[in-house]
C-alpha atoms as a PDB file:
ATOM      1  CA  UNK A   1     101.778  66.137 118.737  1.00  0.00           C
ATOM      2  CA  UNK A   2     102.138  69.854 118.835  1.00  0.00           C
ATOM      3  CA  UNK A   3      99.621  72.285 120.270  1.00  0.00           C
ATOM      4  CA  UNK A   4      97.353  73.738 117.678  1.00  0.00           C
ATOM      5  CA  UNK A   5      95.965  76.871 119.104  1.00  0.00           C
ATOM      6  CA  UNK A   6      92.030  77.696 119.103  1.00  0.00           C
ATOM      7  CA  UNK A   7      90.905  80.963 117.861  1.00  0.00           C
ATOM      8  CA  UNK A   8      87.967  82.720 118.652  1.00  0.00           C
ATOM      9  CA  UNK A   9      86.295  85.742 116.684  1.00  0.00           C
ATOM     10  CA  UNK A  10      84.093  88.353 118.422  1.00  0.00           C
ATOM     11  CA  UNK A  11      81.651  89.472 116.044  1.00  0.00           C
ATOM     12  CA  UNK A  12      80.322  87.916 112.789  1.00  0.00           C
ATOM     13  CA  UNK A  13      80.878  90.220 110.334  1.00  0.00           C
ATOM     14  CA  UNK A  14      83.644  90.821 107.659  1.00  0.00           C
ATOM     15  CA  UNK A  15      86.865  90.967 109.848  1.00  0.00           C
ATOM     16  CA  UNK A  16      86.008  87.964 112.050  1.00  0.00           C
ATOM     17  CA  UNK A  17      84.791  85.915 108.436  1.00  0.00           C
ATOM     18  CA  UNK A  18      88.366  87.051 107.191  1.00  0.00           C
ATOM     19  CA  UNK A  19      90.219  85.796 110.349  1.00  0.00           C
ATOM     20  CA  UNK A  20      88.449  83.045 109.764  1.00  0.00           C
ATOM     21  CA  UNK A  21      89.670  81.406 106.519  1.00  0.00           C
ATOM     22  CA  UNK A  22      92.998  82.241 107.429  1.00  0.00           C
ATOM     23  CA  UNK A  23      92.978  80.235 110.536  1.00  0.00           C
ATOM     24  CA  UNK A  24      90.878  77.070 109.429  1.00  0.00           C
ATOM     25  CA  UNK A  25      93.102  77.092 106.335  1.00  0.00           C
ATOM     26  CA  UNK A  26      95.726  76.788 107.730  1.00  0.00           C
ATOM     27  CA  UNK A  27      94.421  73.772 110.324  1.00  0.00           C
ATOM     28  CA  UNK A  28      92.946  76.058 113.571  1.00  0.00           C
ATOM     29  CA  UNK A  29      89.785  75.450 114.776  1.00  0.00           C
ATOM     30  CA  UNK A  30      87.498  78.364 114.312  1.00  0.00           C
ATOM     31  CA  UNK A  31      84.388  79.848 117.021  1.00  0.00           C
ATOM     32  CA  UNK A  32      82.938  82.835 115.162  1.00  0.00           C
ATOM     33  CA  UNK A  33      80.786  84.860 118.350  1.00  0.00           C
ATOM     34  CA  UNK A  34      77.459  85.966 117.102  1.00  0.00           C
ATOM     35  CA  UNK A  35      77.364  89.270 119.581  1.00  0.00           C
ATOM     36  CA  UNK A  36      73.485  89.883 119.658  1.00  0.00           C
ATOM     37  CA  UNK A  37      70.863  87.871 121.183  1.00  0.00           C
ATOM     38  CA  UNK A  38      68.380  86.713 118.379  1.00  0.00           C
ATOM     39  CA  UNK A  39      66.000  84.280 117.584  1.00  0.00           C
ATOM     40  CA  UNK A  40      66.905  80.588 116.868  1.00  0.00           C
ATOM     41  CA  UNK A  41      66.008  81.232 113.455  1.00  0.00           C
ATOM     42  CA  UNK A  42      67.267  84.571 112.790  1.00  0.00           C
ATOM     43  CA  UNK A  43      70.940  83.107 114.298  1.00  0.00           C
ATOM     44  CA  UNK A  44      70.650  80.670 111.967  1.00  0.00           C
ATOM     45  CA  UNK A  45      70.513  82.467 108.880  1.00  0.00           C
ATOM     46  CA  UNK A  46      73.425  84.224 110.057  1.00  0.00           C
ATOM     47  CA  UNK A  47      75.160  81.138 110.570  1.00  0.00           C
ATOM     48  CA  UNK A  48      74.283  79.789 107.138  1.00  0.00           C
ATOM     49  CA  UNK A  49      75.485  83.607 105.237  1.00  0.00           C
ATOM     50  CA  UNK A  50      78.515  83.140 107.627  1.00  0.00           C
ATOM     51  CA  UNK A  51      79.484  79.689 106.212  1.00  0.00           C
ATOM     52  CA  UNK A  52      78.290  81.000 102.792  1.00  0.00           C
ATOM     53  CA  UNK A  53      80.724  83.354 102.605  1.00  0.00           C
ATOM     54  CA  UNK A  54      83.576  81.603 103.695  1.00  0.00           C
ATOM     55  CA  UNK A  55      82.702  78.535 101.421  1.00  0.00           C
ATOM     56  CA  UNK A  56      82.881  81.218  98.389  1.00  0.00           C
ATOM     57  CA  UNK A  57      86.090  82.724  99.634  1.00  0.00           C
ATOM     58  CA  UNK A  58      87.610  79.532  99.542  1.00  0.00           C
ATOM     59  CA  UNK A  59      86.209  78.491  95.960  1.00  0.00           C
ATOM     60  CA  UNK A  60      87.485  81.528  94.503  1.00  0.00           C
ATOM     61  CA  UNK A  61      90.598  81.270  96.163  1.00  0.00           C
ATOM     62  CA  UNK A  62      90.875  77.784  94.948  1.00  0.00           C
ATOM     63  CA  UNK A  63      89.999  78.453  91.563  1.00  0.00           C
ATOM     64  CA  UNK A  64      92.545  81.023  91.474  1.00  0.00           C
ATOM     65  CA  UNK A  65      94.993  78.497  92.033  1.00  0.00           C
ATOM     66  CA  UNK A  66      95.526  78.654  95.467  1.00  0.00           C
ATOM     67  CA  UNK A  67      95.214  75.201  97.037  1.00  0.00           C
ATOM     68  CA  UNK A  68      92.799  71.875  95.660  1.00  0.00           C
ATOM     69  CA  UNK A  69      89.362  72.666  96.196  1.00  0.00           C
ATOM     70  CA  UNK A  70      88.916  69.192  97.136  1.00  0.00           C
ATOM     71  CA  UNK A  71      90.010  70.339 100.880  1.00  0.00           C
ATOM     72  CA  UNK A  72      87.506  73.005 101.111  1.00  0.00           C
ATOM     73  CA  UNK A  73      84.884  70.466 103.039  1.00  0.00           C
ATOM     74  CA  UNK A  74      87.844  69.870 105.649  1.00  0.00           C
ATOM     75  CA  UNK A  75      88.576  73.748 105.991  1.00  0.00           C
ATOM     76  CA  UNK A  76      84.873  74.237 106.616  1.00  0.00           C
ATOM     77  CA  UNK A  77      84.564  71.721 109.204  1.00  0.00           C
ATOM     78  CA  UNK A  78      86.767  74.299 111.184  1.00  0.00           C
ATOM     79  CA  UNK A  79      84.539  76.947 111.169  1.00  0.00           C
ATOM     80  CA  UNK A  80      82.092  76.635 113.333  1.00  0.00           C
ATOM     81  CA  UNK A  81      79.116  80.091 114.568  1.00  0.00           C
ATOM     82  CA  UNK A  82      78.552  80.026 117.807  1.00  0.00           C
ATOM     83  CA  UNK A  83      75.523  82.000 119.171  1.00  0.00           C
ATOM     84  CA  UNK A  84      75.697  84.817 121.489  1.00  0.00           C
ATOM     85  CA  UNK A  85      73.936  82.649 124.061  1.00  0.00           C
ATOM     86  CA  UNK A  86      76.700  80.028 123.735  1.00  0.00           C
ATOM     87  CA  UNK A  87      79.809  81.889 123.748  1.00  0.00           C
ATOM     88  CA  UNK A  88      81.494  81.489 126.735  1.00  0.00           C
ATOM     89  CA  UNK A  89      82.211  77.787 127.052  1.00  0.00           C
ATOM     90  CA  UNK A  90      83.859  78.994 123.089  1.00  0.00           C
ATOM     91  CA  UNK A  91      85.568  81.850 124.716  1.00  0.00           C
ATOM     92  CA  UNK A  92      87.070  79.606 127.522  1.00  0.00           C
ATOM     93  CA  UNK A  93      88.236  77.172 125.231  1.00  0.00           C
ATOM     94  CA  UNK A  94      90.486  79.217 122.637  1.00  0.00           C
ATOM     95  CA  UNK A  95      94.113  80.724 122.637  1.00  0.00           C
ATOM     96  CA  UNK A  96      93.519  83.703 121.242  1.00  0.00           C
ATOM     97  CA  UNK A  97      90.736  85.923 120.717  1.00  0.00           C
ATOM     98  CA  UNK A  98      90.355  88.732 118.216  1.00  0.00           C
ATOM     99  CA  UNK A  99      87.559  91.245 118.459  1.00  0.00           C
ATOM    100  CA  UNK A 100      86.346  92.721 114.929  1.00  0.00           C
ATOM    101  CA  UNK A 101      83.527  94.532 116.206  1.00  0.00           C
ATOM    102  CA  UNK A 102      82.331  98.216 114.209  1.00  0.00           C
ATOM    103  CA  UNK A 103      84.934 101.284 114.843  1.00  0.00           C
ATOM    104  CA  UNK A 104      83.297 102.780 117.870  1.00  0.00           C
ATOM    105  CA  UNK A 105      85.386 103.126 120.853  1.00  0.00           C
ATOM    106  CA  UNK A 106      82.693 102.568 123.666  1.00  0.00           C
ATOM    107  CA  UNK A 107      80.816 100.089 121.716  1.00  0.00           C
ATOM    108  CA  UNK A 108      84.162  98.017 122.205  1.00  0.00           C
ATOM    109  CA  UNK A 109      85.019  99.194 125.733  1.00  0.00           C
ATOM    110  CA  UNK A 110      81.766  98.045 126.665  1.00  0.00           C
ATOM    111  CA  UNK A 111      82.209  94.379 124.712  1.00  0.00           C
ATOM    112  CA  UNK A 112      85.500  93.947 126.631  1.00  0.00           C
ATOM    113  CA  UNK A 113      84.522  95.010 129.877  1.00  0.00           C
ATOM    114  CA  UNK A 114      81.647  92.195 129.458  1.00  0.00           C
ATOM    115  CA  UNK A 115      83.658  89.249 127.586  1.00  0.00           C
ATOM    116  CA  UNK A 116      87.128  89.377 128.831  1.00  0.00           C
ATOM    117  CA  UNK A 117      85.886  88.165 132.376  1.00  0.00           C
ATOM    118  CA  UNK A 118      84.774  84.727 130.691  1.00  0.00           C
ATOM    119  CA  UNK A 119      88.092  84.562 128.705  1.00  0.00           C
ATOM    120  CA  UNK A 120      90.788  82.697 130.297  1.00  0.00           C
ATOM    121  CA  UNK A 121      93.657  85.033 131.853  1.00  0.00           C
ATOM    122  CA  UNK A 122      96.299  82.747 129.335  1.00  0.00           C
ATOM    123  CA  UNK A 123      94.000  83.802 126.439  1.00  0.00           C
ATOM    124  CA  UNK A 124      95.898  86.266 123.979  1.00  0.00           C
ATOM    125  CA  UNK A 125      92.781  89.062 123.413  1.00  0.00           C
ATOM    126  CA  UNK A 126      93.357  91.314 120.406  1.00  0.00           C
ATOM    127  CA  UNK A 127      91.530  94.241 118.708  1.00  0.00           C
ATOM    128  CA  UNK A 128      91.343  94.357 115.275  1.00  0.00           C
ATOM    129  CA  UNK A 129      90.812  98.091 115.354  1.00  0.00           C
ATOM    130  CA  UNK A 130      92.183 100.547 112.216  1.00  0.00           C
ATOM    131  CA  UNK A 131      91.722 103.518 114.416  1.00  0.00           C
ATOM    132  CA  UNK A 132      91.644 103.341 118.575  1.00  0.00           C
ATOM    133  CA  UNK A 133      94.901 103.390 120.152  1.00  0.00           C
ATOM    134  CA  UNK A 134      95.595  99.810 122.390  1.00  0.00           C
ATOM    135  CA  UNK A 135      95.544 102.134 125.860  1.00  0.00           C
ATOM    136  CA  UNK A 136      92.433 103.457 124.819  1.00  0.00           C
ATOM    137  CA  UNK A 137      90.835  99.972 125.162  1.00  0.00           C
ATOM    138  CA  UNK A 138      93.070  97.931 127.843  1.00  0.00           C
ATOM    139  CA  UNK A 139      91.344  99.768 130.510  1.00  0.00           C
ATOM    140  CA  UNK A 140      88.336  97.593 130.113  1.00  0.00           C
ATOM    141  CA  UNK A 141      90.561  94.272 129.376  1.00  0.00           C
ATOM    142  CA  UNK A 142      90.666  92.234 132.592  1.00  0.00           C
ATOM    143  CA  UNK A 143      94.551  91.580 132.599  1.00  0.00           C
ATOM    144  CA  UNK A 144      95.115  93.796 129.744  1.00  0.00           C
ATOM    145  CA  UNK A 145      99.141  92.844 129.802  1.00  0.00           C
ATOM    146  CA  UNK A 146      97.392  89.838 127.500  1.00  0.00           C
ATOM    147  CA  UNK A 147      95.991  92.222 125.355  1.00  0.00           C
ATOM    148  CA  UNK A 148      96.960  94.123 121.802  1.00  0.00           C
ATOM    149  CA  UNK A 149      96.164  95.519 118.510  1.00  0.00           C
ATOM    150  CA  UNK A 150      96.299  93.416 115.435  1.00  0.00           C
ATOM    151  CA  UNK A 151      95.388  95.313 112.874  1.00  0.00           C
ATOM    152  CA  UNK A 152      94.718  93.399 109.847  1.00  0.00           C
ATOM    153  CA  UNK A 153      94.228  94.801 106.010  1.00  0.00           C
ATOM    154  CA  UNK A 154      91.091  93.701 104.323  1.00  0.00           C
ATOM    155  CA  UNK A 155      91.011  91.485 102.148  1.00  0.00           C
ATOM    156  CA  UNK A 156      92.501  89.690 105.469  1.00  0.00           C
ATOM    157  CA  UNK A 157      92.462  86.172 104.029  1.00  0.00           C
ATOM    158  CA  UNK A 158      94.923  87.662 101.299  1.00  0.00           C
ATOM    159  CA  UNK A 159      96.719  90.925 102.374  1.00  0.00           C
ATOM    160  CA  UNK A 160      99.934  89.060 104.392  1.00  0.00           C
ATOM    161  CA  UNK A 161     100.404  92.248 106.473  1.00  0.00           C
ATOM    162  CA  UNK A 162      99.128  92.132 110.297  1.00  0.00           C
ATOM    163  CA  UNK A 163     100.611  95.579 112.148  1.00  0.00           C
ATOM    164  CA  UNK A 164     100.590  94.497 115.976  1.00  0.00           C
ATOM    165  CA  UNK A 165     100.939  97.244 118.357  1.00  0.00           C
ATOM    166  CA  UNK A 166     101.091  96.393 121.925  1.00  0.00           C
ATOM    167  CA  UNK A 167     100.188  98.768 124.721  1.00  0.00           C
ATOM    168  CA  UNK A 168     102.006 100.160 128.371  1.00  0.00           C
ATOM    169  CA  UNK A 169     101.013  97.031 130.037  1.00  0.00           C
ATOM    170  CA  UNK A 170     101.645  94.624 127.286  1.00  0.00           C
ATOM    171  CA  UNK A 171     103.849  91.717 127.971  1.00  0.00           C
ATOM    172  CA  UNK A 172     106.510  90.837 125.450  1.00  0.00           C
ATOM    173  CA  UNK A 173     106.150  87.290 125.770  1.00  0.00           C
ATOM    174  CA  UNK A 174     102.306  87.938 124.678  1.00  0.00           C
ATOM    175  CA  UNK A 175     103.458  90.133 121.334  1.00  0.00           C
ATOM    176  CA  UNK A 176     106.225  87.293 120.524  1.00  0.00           C
ATOM    177  CA  UNK A 177     103.239  84.458 120.556  1.00  0.00           C
ATOM    178  CA  UNK A 178     100.762  86.481 118.709  1.00  0.00           C
ATOM    179  CA  UNK A 179     103.254  87.104 116.250  1.00  0.00           C
ATOM    180  CA  UNK A 180     104.812  83.643 116.322  1.00  0.00           C
ATOM    181  CA  UNK A 181     101.029  82.418 115.701  1.00  0.00           C
ATOM    182  CA  UNK A 182     100.474  85.046 112.878  1.00  0.00           C
ATOM    183  CA  UNK A 183     103.968  83.781 110.564  1.00  0.00           C
ATOM    184  CA  UNK A 184     102.452  79.981 111.171  1.00  0.00           C
ATOM    185  CA  UNK A 185      99.534  80.514 109.354  1.00  0.00           C
ATOM    186  CA  UNK A 186     101.236  82.517 106.429  1.00  0.00           C
ATOM    187  CA  UNK A 187     101.573  86.382 107.521  1.00  0.00           C
ATOM    188  CA  UNK A 188     103.815  88.886 107.713  1.00  0.00           C
ATOM    189  CA  UNK A 189     103.437  90.930 111.113  1.00  0.00           C
ATOM    190  CA  UNK A 190     105.217  94.368 112.531  1.00  0.00           C
ATOM    191  CA  UNK A 191     105.308  95.539 115.557  1.00  0.00           C
ATOM    192  CA  UNK A 192     104.447  99.469 115.641  1.00  0.00           C
ATOM    193  CA  UNK A 193     104.286 101.613 118.937  1.00  0.00           C
ATOM    194  CA  UNK A 194     100.748 103.033 119.476  1.00  0.00           C
ATOM    195  CA  UNK A 195     100.260 105.545 117.557  1.00  0.00           C
ATOM    196  CA  UNK A 196      97.207 106.797 115.487  1.00  0.00           C
ATOM    197  CA  UNK A 197      97.367 105.396 112.250  1.00  0.00           C
ATOM    198  CA  UNK A 198      99.800 102.715 112.615  1.00  0.00           C
ATOM    199  CA  UNK A 199     102.018 101.934 109.653  1.00  0.00           C
ATOM    200  CA  UNK A 200     100.323 101.951 106.526  1.00  0.00           C
ATOM    201  CA  UNK A 201      97.077 103.613 107.288  1.00  0.00           C
ATOM    202  CA  UNK A 202      99.002 106.325 107.948  1.00  0.00           C
ATOM    203  CA  UNK A 203     100.847 106.498 104.654  1.00  0.00           C
ATOM    204  CA  UNK A 204      97.680 105.206 102.809  1.00  0.00           C
ATOM    205  CA  UNK A 205      96.089 108.376 104.089  1.00  0.00           C
ATOM    206  CA  UNK A 206      98.119 110.900 102.843  1.00  0.00           C
ATOM    207  CA  UNK A 207      98.452 109.348  99.791  1.00  0.00           C
ATOM    208  CA  UNK A 208      94.975 109.045  99.185  1.00  0.00           C
ATOM    209  CA  UNK A 209      94.079 112.325  99.658  1.00  0.00           C
ATOM    210  CA  UNK A 210      96.741 113.484  97.731  1.00  0.00           C
ATOM    211  CA  UNK A 211      95.643 111.607  94.788  1.00  0.00           C
ATOM    212  CA  UNK A 212      92.063 112.654  95.415  1.00  0.00           C
ATOM    213  CA  UNK A 213      93.744 116.325  96.060  1.00  0.00           C
ATOM    214  CA  UNK A 214      95.090 116.083  92.037  1.00  0.00           C
ATOM    215  CA  UNK A 215      92.150 115.257  90.479  1.00  0.00           C
ATOM    216  CA  UNK A 216      90.474 118.220  92.049  1.00  0.00           C
ATOM    217  CA  UNK A 217      93.416 120.832  90.987  1.00  0.00           C
ATOM    218  CA  UNK A 218      92.870 118.707  87.234  1.00  0.00           C
ATOM    219  CA  UNK A 219      96.510 117.464  87.278  1.00  0.00           C
ATOM    220  CA  UNK A 220      95.456 114.334  85.640  1.00  0.00           C
ATOM    221  CA  UNK A 221      92.501 112.097  85.035  1.00  0.00           C
ATOM    222  CA  UNK A 222      91.641 110.142  88.175  1.00  0.00           C
ATOM    223  CA  UNK A 223      92.138 106.923  85.250  1.00  0.00           C
ATOM    224  CA  UNK A 224      95.832 108.739  84.479  1.00  0.00           C
ATOM    225  CA  UNK A 225      96.598 109.117  88.521  1.00  0.00           C
ATOM    226  CA  UNK A 226      95.642 105.808  89.433  1.00  0.00           C
ATOM    227  CA  UNK A 227      97.502 104.597  86.283  1.00  0.00           C
ATOM    228  CA  UNK A 228     100.479 106.307  87.420  1.00  0.00           C
ATOM    229  CA  UNK A 229     100.700 104.851  90.879  1.00  0.00           C
ATOM    230  CA  UNK A 230      99.832 101.052  89.651  1.00  0.00           C
ATOM    231  CA  UNK A 231     102.791 100.936  87.153  1.00  0.00           C
ATOM    232  CA  UNK A 232     104.761 103.470  88.402  1.00  0.00           C
ATOM    233  CA  UNK A 233     104.531 104.474  92.511  1.00  0.00           C
ATOM    234  CA  UNK A 234     102.835 100.795  93.459  1.00  0.00           C
ATOM    235  CA  UNK A 235     104.868  98.728  91.061  1.00  0.00           C
ATOM    236  CA  UNK A 236     108.530  99.941  92.822  1.00  0.00           C
ATOM    237  CA  UNK A 237     107.397  99.574  96.517  1.00  0.00           C
ATOM    238  CA  UNK A 238     105.707  95.963  95.615  1.00  0.00           C
ATOM    239  CA  UNK A 239     109.550  95.618  95.754  1.00  0.00           C
ATOM    240  CA  UNK A 240     111.245  98.112  97.456  1.00  0.00           C
ATOM    241  CA  UNK A 241     110.031  99.243 100.867  1.00  0.00           C
ATOM    242  CA  UNK A 242     109.365 103.199 100.845  1.00  0.00           C
ATOM    243  CA  UNK A 243     112.574 103.640 103.473  1.00  0.00           C
ATOM    244  CA  UNK A 244     114.852 100.992 101.649  1.00  0.00           C
ATOM    245  CA  UNK A 245     113.531 103.481  98.211  1.00  0.00           C
ATOM    246  CA  UNK A 246     114.844 106.702  99.557  1.00  0.00           C
ATOM    247  CA  UNK A 247     118.051 104.804  99.952  1.00  0.00           C
ATOM    248  CA  UNK A 248     118.279 103.166  96.631  1.00  0.00           C
ATOM    249  CA  UNK A 249     117.787 106.545  95.119  1.00  0.00           C
ATOM    250  CA  UNK A 250     119.917 108.762  97.656  1.00  0.00           C
ATOM    251  CA  UNK A 251     118.449 110.490 100.526  1.00  0.00           C
ATOM    252  CA  UNK A 252     119.789 114.004  99.046  1.00  0.00           C
ATOM    253  CA  UNK A 253     117.108 113.594  96.230  1.00  0.00           C
ATOM    254  CA  UNK A 254     114.538 113.410  98.664  1.00  0.00           C
ATOM    255  CA  UNK A 255     115.653 116.100 100.659  1.00  0.00           C
ATOM    256  CA  UNK A 256     116.273 118.805  97.305  1.00  0.00           C
ATOM    257  CA  UNK A 257     112.798 117.563  95.919  1.00  0.00           C
ATOM    258  CA  UNK A 258     110.967 118.202  99.287  1.00  0.00           C
ATOM    259  CA  UNK A 259     112.486 121.822  99.282  1.00  0.00           C
ATOM    260  CA  UNK A 260     111.436 122.230  95.164  1.00  0.00           C
ATOM    261  CA  UNK A 261     107.949 120.941  95.795  1.00  0.00           C
ATOM    262  CA  UNK A 262     107.515 123.498  99.308  1.00  0.00           C
ATOM    263  CA  UNK A 263     108.710 126.433  96.919  1.00  0.00           C
ATOM    264  CA  UNK A 264     106.831 125.639  93.871  1.00  0.00           C
ATOM    265  CA  UNK A 265     103.597 124.270  95.161  1.00  0.00           C
ATOM    266  CA  UNK A 266     103.707 126.571  97.959  1.00  0.00           C
ATOM    267  CA  UNK A 267     102.718 124.337 101.041  1.00  0.00           C
ATOM    268  CA  UNK A 268     104.539 122.794 103.752  1.00  0.00           C
ATOM    269  CA  UNK A 269     102.745 119.524 103.448  1.00  0.00           C
ATOM    270  CA  UNK A 270     105.865 118.824 100.916  1.00  0.00           C
ATOM    271  CA  UNK A 271     108.519 119.539 103.558  1.00  0.00           C
ATOM    272  CA  UNK A 272     110.708 116.827 104.635  1.00  0.00           C
ATOM    273  CA  UNK A 273     111.158 115.924 108.196  1.00  0.00           C
ATOM    274  CA  UNK A 274     114.134 116.908 110.288  1.00  0.00           C
ATOM    275  CA  UNK A 275     115.313 113.378 110.157  1.00  0.00           C
ATOM    276  CA  UNK A 276     116.483 113.632 106.551  1.00  0.00           C
ATOM    277  CA  UNK A 277     118.266 116.653 107.406  1.00  0.00           C
ATOM    278  CA  UNK A 278     120.145 115.183 110.022  1.00  0.00           C
ATOM    279  CA  UNK A 279     121.387 111.831 107.574  1.00  0.00           C
ATOM    280  CA  UNK A 280     122.345 114.602 105.222  1.00  0.00           C
ATOM    281  CA  UNK A 281     124.727 116.287 107.704  1.00  0.00           C
ATOM    282  CA  UNK A 282     125.961 112.766 108.918  1.00  0.00           C
ATOM    283  CA  UNK A 283     126.228 112.048 105.366  1.00  0.00           C
ATOM    284  CA  UNK A 284     124.074 109.092 105.899  1.00  0.00           C
ATOM    285  CA  UNK A 285     122.659 109.176 102.060  1.00  0.00           C
ATOM    286  CA  UNK A 286     122.013 105.906 101.541  1.00  0.00           C
ATOM    287  CA  UNK A 287     123.326 102.846  99.347  1.00  0.00           C
ATOM    288  CA  UNK A 288     126.048 104.935  98.083  1.00  0.00           C
ATOM    289  CA  UNK A 289     127.077 105.558 101.383  1.00  0.00           C
ATOM    290  CA  UNK A 290     126.605 102.171 102.785  1.00  0.00           C
ATOM    291  CA  UNK A 291     124.057 103.995 105.194  1.00  0.00           C
ATOM    292  CA  UNK A 292     120.685 105.611 105.202  1.00  0.00           C
ATOM    293  CA  UNK A 293     117.561 104.299 107.166  1.00  0.00           C
ATOM    294  CA  UNK A 294     119.112 100.430 106.471  1.00  0.00           C
ATOM    295  CA  UNK A 295     122.372  99.880 107.115  1.00  0.00           C
ATOM    296  CA  UNK A 296     124.345  98.192 103.906  1.00  0.00           C
ATOM    297  CA  UNK A 297     127.716  98.219 105.837  1.00  0.00           C
ATOM    298  CA  UNK A 298     129.440  94.601 104.874  1.00  0.00           C
ATOM    299  CA  UNK A 299     126.947  93.979 102.471  1.00  0.00           C
ATOM    300  CA  UNK A 300     127.406  92.405  98.419  1.00  0.00           C
ATOM    301  CA  UNK A 301     125.928  95.458  97.095  1.00  0.00           C
ATOM    302  CA  UNK A 302     126.339  93.559  93.562  1.00  0.00           C
ATOM    303  CA  UNK A 303     124.257  90.757  94.652  1.00  0.00           C
ATOM    304  CA  UNK A 304     121.417  93.007  96.699  1.00  0.00           C
ATOM    305  CA  UNK A 305     121.098  95.077  93.520  1.00  0.00           C
ATOM    306  CA  UNK A 306     120.531  92.421  91.453  1.00  0.00           C
ATOM    307  CA  UNK A 307     118.194  90.668  94.196  1.00  0.00           C
ATOM    308  CA  UNK A 308     116.048  93.825  93.911  1.00  0.00           C
ATOM    309  CA  UNK A 309     115.922  94.094  89.893  1.00  0.00           C
ATOM    310  CA  UNK A 310     114.841  90.210  89.447  1.00  0.00           C
ATOM    311  CA  UNK A 311     111.988  91.506  92.036  1.00  0.00           C
ATOM    312  CA  UNK A 312     111.283  94.213  89.409  1.00  0.00           C
ATOM    313  CA  UNK A 313     111.576  92.035  86.328  1.00  0.00           C
ATOM    314  CA  UNK A 314     109.207  89.225  88.267  1.00  0.00           C
ATOM    315  CA  UNK A 315     106.476  91.749  89.123  1.00  0.00           C
ATOM    316  CA  UNK A 316     106.910  92.770  84.903  1.00  0.00           C
ATOM    317  CA  UNK A 317     106.342  89.318  84.135  1.00  0.00           C
ATOM    318  CA  UNK A 318     102.937  88.967  86.828  1.00  0.00           C
ATOM    319  CA  UNK A 319     101.744  92.279  85.203  1.00  0.00           C
ATOM    320  CA  UNK A 320     102.362  91.121  81.615  1.00  0.00           C
ATOM    321  CA  UNK A 321     104.900  94.058  80.402  1.00  0.00           C
ATOM    322  CA  UNK A 322     108.473  91.874  80.250  1.00  0.00           C
ATOM    323  CA  UNK A 323     108.685  91.419  76.742  1.00  0.00           C
ATOM    324  CA  UNK A 324     111.167  89.533  74.502  1.00  0.00           C
ATOM    325  CA  UNK A 325     114.405  91.855  72.651  1.00  0.00           C
ATOM    326  CA  UNK A 326     113.320  92.275  68.918  1.00  0.00           C
ATOM    327  CA  UNK A 327     112.808  95.066  66.530  1.00  0.00           C
ATOM    328  CA  UNK A 328     110.710  97.926  67.176  1.00  0.00           C
ATOM    329  CA  UNK A 329     106.881  97.484  66.142  1.00  0.00           C
ATOM    330  CA  UNK A 330     105.489 100.275  64.194  1.00  0.00           C
ATOM    331  CA  UNK A 331     102.537 101.123  66.151  1.00  0.00           C
ATOM    332  CA  UNK A 332     105.609 101.697  69.385  1.00  0.00           C
ATOM    333  CA  UNK A 333     107.373 103.751  66.627  1.00  0.00           C
ATOM    334  CA  UNK A 334     103.959 106.069  66.060  1.00  0.00           C
ATOM    335  CA  UNK A 335     103.812 106.621  69.653  1.00  0.00           C
ATOM    336  CA  UNK A 336     107.448 107.520  70.120  1.00  0.00           C
ATOM    337  CA  UNK A 337     107.320 110.085  67.642  1.00  0.00           C
ATOM    338  CA  UNK A 338     103.752 111.767  68.602  1.00  0.00           C
END
């Protein structure tokens, strides 16, 4: 019989509850560890709250067609809430421990210094921090070679991506084991260097600030900017990766568009990085050149294009925007002529 990893979550907040849903749904036992000493009645209220939220989440997912609601009782049995005084045995029996407390450096360091000696040396420890670098925390972890960051995106029980960031002392097999475990529960892990902002938050922060700036400048209403992002920006990048999209259209387009925006808006924040200019010099302009950020040499380009276009069609259908052929309606004509 294959070994099924036992999971522990440090902290009974939103992240711990979301991770509990993911792993319990996938068949793992999960211990959600409270980290505050409480009177028995207060702890019971917390435990009831955690179980209620997990059950509510599962009920919603079942109602949306994710699975048969008849499975909810069995999934719920895999989640237990552990009092602070009882966390040592739960941690000692765990294969992977996820920390999910607030983004306060000293608070996290203190926690790791206290609990890592309670956790077996072979057990993987992962912080879920969205802002703090792994090596700013690893010094507080006993046996830091089994420690790394695993940044989940909210809601953790739905978003597939988990950004895995090993530290200077993290053993390669630890990164692989955690990535394999995440894939096994339906997640899509990516490995990134220990840099501020990881991948998604770094790109997301730029996009969110730029959208807010356009509202401030009166470029468009907040509703129209969000509509443009949802039906244009988001639509494209739900099928093509951002770097893949640069290759799809051609790196030369980004090169010239960046130069224009710098001059037109008078701001260097639109300037392309040196790698774009280097790709231009090397002739690595994307799909047409069969080399860009990705390598398309030897690929069946027609089949690749068809696959991506099919992805767009499926997104249109999911959004209710795919329409059959037919005559233009008067309302459509009036919009076009207005």
